[in-house]
Each structure stands twice: as structure tokens, then as C-alpha cells.
Amino acid sequence: MFSTTFVFFVLLLWAAVCAILDARTRQISNLLTYPAALLTIIYIAVTGHTLCNANLTEAVVTTLLVLLLTLPGYYRNLFGAGDIKMLLVLALATGLVQLLIIFAIAGLGLLLWQISARFFWSRLPAKIQEQAVYLDYRRSKIAYAPFLFLGLIIALALP
């Protein structure tokens, strides 16, 4: 249908926009998540597999896993609804292994950010600090989508 390179490029572009919005506003617009979810569902319905060639069963299991892992965090105010919707789109677009890699890298990235940002955040140009205000390590809640984006890059780069 589409080349793998094109599909990955579009998926990465979408995730980058989500990450930028989350870093700026700590919100991911439904105008980004709902159409992306619909397109991935249509893609699965037409082709029988996800954008990363996982079958329908794996897509359903991956989606249920996202809900299982994130809804408790949502109810404890650890995850935002936009983060969960972004993860649901990624579950429908990738597969179980890729999603677990995305989760692991995002969690590790967030941890490393919390540890290292205190050393260099103040050295970043003011314009970057203003644009990525929700990446400020001093905030009680930090944007998660930029770390999901990092995880997606790595998950798609792996064989």
C-alpha cells in the first residue's frame, strides 16, 4: 500500500507534533489523536495488519496492554489523557515488542531527564526554556510525549 519508509516518516512526524505540543502546553489535542487512531484502525481493517506489520490479534493485545498499564496511572494523576491516547495510537500502529520498547525507553528517558536536567536546564537558551516549559525538571508534572517520541524513534530504528 505505502512504503515502510513513508509510513514510518508520517508516524514519526505525527509523534513529533504531539511531543512538541505536550512540551509546550502539557496537552495533546484530540485533533491529533482521534484522526490518527481512526486512520490506524482503517489501515488495520484494509490490510489486516498494523503499520509495523503486527497482526490484528497482536494489535488488540497491545491496545489492551496500554490500557492495563496506563489507566491506573491516569486515575492516580500520573498519566494525562493525551498520553494515553497517544499510546493507544502507537499500540494500533506498532506491535507488542515495539510498544514495550517505547515504554521502556520513555521511562528511562524521563528518569535520565529528571536526573540530568538540573545540571543543564539553566544553561539552555531562554527561548528553548520558554517553548518547552513543561520539560522543566522543577515542575511536579513533566510532559511525557517527548519521551514517547524518543522511544518510538528507537523502536522503529531497531530491526
Protein backbone atom coordinates (compact mmCIF):
# COMPACT_ATOMS: atom_id res chain seq x y z
CA MET A 1 0.00 0.00 0.00
CA PHE A 2 2.61 2.56 1.17
CA SER A 3 6.34 2.14 1.52
CA THR A 4 7.58 1.39 5.02
CA THR A 5 9.80 4.47 4.94
CA PHE A 6 6.86 6.73 4.16
CA VAL A 7 4.68 5.15 6.86
CA PHE A 8 7.42 5.49 9.48
CA PHE A 9 8.07 9.09 8.42
CA VAL A 10 4.40 10.02 8.82
CA LEU A 11 4.20 8.22 12.17
CA LEU A 12 7.35 9.98 13.41
CA LEU A 13 6.10 13.34 12.16
CA TRP A 14 2.79 12.85 14.00
CA ALA A 15 4.60 11.81 17.19
CA ALA A 16 6.94 14.81 16.91
CA VAL A 17 3.99 17.20 16.70
CA CYS A 18 2.43 15.51 19.75
CA ALA A 19 5.73 15.80 21.63
CA ILE A 20 6.15 19.48 20.80
CA LEU A 21 2.60 20.31 21.84
CA ASP A 22 2.97 18.36 25.07
CA ALA A 23 6.27 20.08 25.90
CA ARG A 24 4.69 23.50 25.28
CA THR A 25 1.21 23.06 26.77
CA ARG A 26 1.18 19.66 28.54
CA GLN A 27 -1.77 18.75 26.36
CA ILE A 28 -2.09 16.68 23.22
CA SER A 29 -5.01 17.82 21.11
CA ASN A 30 -7.81 15.43 20.26
CA LEU A 31 -7.45 16.81 16.73
CA LEU A 32 -4.17 14.89 16.62
CA THR A 33 -5.09 11.70 18.44
CA TYR A 34 -8.59 10.89 17.16
CA PRO A 35 -7.84 11.14 13.42
CA ALA A 36 -4.60 9.21 13.91
CA ALA A 37 -6.46 6.46 15.77
CA LEU A 38 -9.12 6.35 13.07
CA LEU A 39 -6.50 6.13 10.30
CA THR A 40 -4.67 3.30 12.05
CA ILE A 41 -7.93 1.40 12.57
CA ILE A 42 -8.84 1.87 8.90
CA TYR A 43 -5.34 0.74 7.90
CA ILE A 44 -5.70 -2.41 10.01
CA ALA A 45 -9.18 -3.08 8.58
CA VAL A 46 -7.95 -2.73 4.99
CA THR A 47 -4.61 -4.54 5.27
CA GLY A 48 -5.17 -6.93 8.17
CA HIS A 49 -2.06 -5.72 9.97
CA THR A 50 -0.65 -2.65 11.72
CA LEU A 51 1.70 -0.12 10.18
CA CYS A 52 4.58 -2.19 11.57
CA ASN A 53 3.11 -5.47 10.25
CA ALA A 54 1.73 -6.82 13.53
CA ASN A 55 -1.45 -8.86 13.03
CA LEU A 56 -4.88 -7.89 14.32
CA THR A 57 -4.65 -10.09 17.42
CA GLU A 58 -1.35 -8.52 18.41
CA ALA A 59 -2.82 -5.04 17.86
CA VAL A 60 -5.73 -5.85 20.17
CA VAL A 61 -3.45 -7.35 22.83
CA THR A 62 -1.11 -4.35 22.61
CA THR A 63 -4.03 -1.94 22.93
CA LEU A 64 -5.35 -3.78 25.98
CA LEU A 65 -1.85 -3.75 27.49
CA VAL A 66 -1.68 0.03 27.08
CA LEU A 67 -4.96 0.37 28.93
CA LEU A 68 -3.81 -2.03 31.64
CA LEU A 69 -0.53 -0.16 32.15
CA THR A 70 -1.81 3.41 31.91
CA LEU A 71 -5.31 3.61 33.37
CA PRO A 72 -4.14 3.06 36.96
CA GLY A 73 -1.63 5.88 36.42
CA TYR A 74 -4.33 8.07 34.92
CA TYR A 75 -6.55 7.60 37.97
CA ARG A 76 -3.58 8.46 40.21
CA ASN A 77 -2.85 11.57 38.10
CA LEU A 78 0.45 10.18 36.80
CA PHE A 79 -0.61 10.00 33.14
CA GLY A 80 -2.61 12.53 31.18
CA ALA A 81 -5.43 11.53 28.86
CA GLY A 82 -3.41 12.78 25.88
CA ASP A 83 -0.51 10.50 26.80
CA ILE A 84 -2.85 7.52 26.93
CA LYS A 85 -4.48 8.40 23.60
CA MET A 86 -1.04 8.80 22.03
CA LEU A 87 -0.02 5.41 23.40
CA LEU A 88 -3.23 3.84 22.08
CA VAL A 89 -2.43 5.16 18.60
CA LEU A 90 1.11 3.80 18.93
CA ALA A 91 -0.34 0.44 20.03
CA LEU A 92 -2.53 0.35 16.92
CA ALA A 93 0.36 1.43 14.71
CA THR A 94 3.16 -0.78 16.02
CA GLY A 95 3.22 -4.14 17.76
CA LEU A 96 3.77 -5.57 21.21
CA VAL A 97 7.58 -5.60 21.13
CA GLN A 98 7.80 -2.09 19.70
CA LEU A 99 5.35 -0.76 22.27
CA LEU A 100 7.28 -2.33 25.14
CA ILE A 101 10.46 -0.74 23.76
CA ILE A 102 8.66 2.62 23.52
CA PHE A 103 7.50 2.30 27.15
CA ALA A 104 10.94 1.26 28.40
CA ILE A 105 12.84 3.98 26.54
CA ALA A 106 10.29 6.64 27.53
CA GLY A 107 10.54 5.66 31.19
CA LEU A 108 14.32 5.53 31.09
CA GLY A 109 14.46 8.82 29.19
CA LEU A 110 12.21 10.52 31.72
CA LEU A 111 14.32 9.21 34.59
CA LEU A 112 17.56 10.37 32.96
CA TRP A 113 15.96 13.74 32.22
CA GLN A 114 14.96 14.18 35.86
CA ILE A 115 18.50 13.36 36.96
CA SER A 116 20.44 15.35 34.37
CA ALA A 117 18.21 18.36 33.61
CA ARG A 118 19.09 20.09 36.87
CA PHE A 119 22.68 20.36 35.60
CA PHE A 120 21.96 21.88 32.21
CA TRP A 121 18.39 23.28 32.14
CA SER A 122 19.58 26.72 33.26
CA ARG A 123 22.23 26.67 30.52
CA LEU A 124 19.68 26.20 27.74
CA PRO A 125 18.73 29.33 25.79
CA ALA A 126 15.76 31.17 27.27
CA LYS A 127 13.79 30.66 24.04
CA ILE A 128 14.01 26.88 24.40
CA GLN A 129 13.04 27.07 28.07
CA GLU A 130 10.03 29.20 27.13
CA GLN A 131 8.94 26.86 24.33
CA ALA A 132 9.44 23.64 26.31
CA VAL A 133 8.14 24.91 29.64
CA TYR A 134 6.69 21.51 30.60
CA LEU A 135 10.09 19.86 30.34
CA ASP A 136 11.34 21.97 33.25
CA TYR A 137 12.54 19.42 35.79
CA ARG A 138 11.31 21.61 38.68
CA ARG A 139 7.66 21.10 37.71
CA SER A 140 5.69 18.49 39.58
CA LYS A 141 4.44 17.04 36.27
CA ILE A 142 6.61 16.80 33.18
CA ALA A 143 5.43 16.27 29.61
CA TYR A 144 5.63 12.57 28.72
CA ALA A 145 5.08 12.68 24.94
CA PRO A 146 8.64 13.86 24.14
CA PHE A 147 9.93 10.70 25.80
CA LEU A 148 7.39 8.56 23.95
CA PHE A 149 8.69 10.16 20.75
CA LEU A 150 12.24 9.20 21.72
CA GLY A 151 11.06 5.65 22.40
CA LEU A 152 9.30 5.50 19.04
CA ILE A 153 12.45 6.62 17.21
CA ILE A 154 14.46 3.87 18.85
CA ALA A 155 11.75 1.21 18.44
CA LEU A 156 11.45 1.93 14.72
CA ALA A 157 15.22 2.03 14.26
CA LEU A 158 15.71 -1.44 15.73
CA PRO A 159 15.49 -4.39 13.33
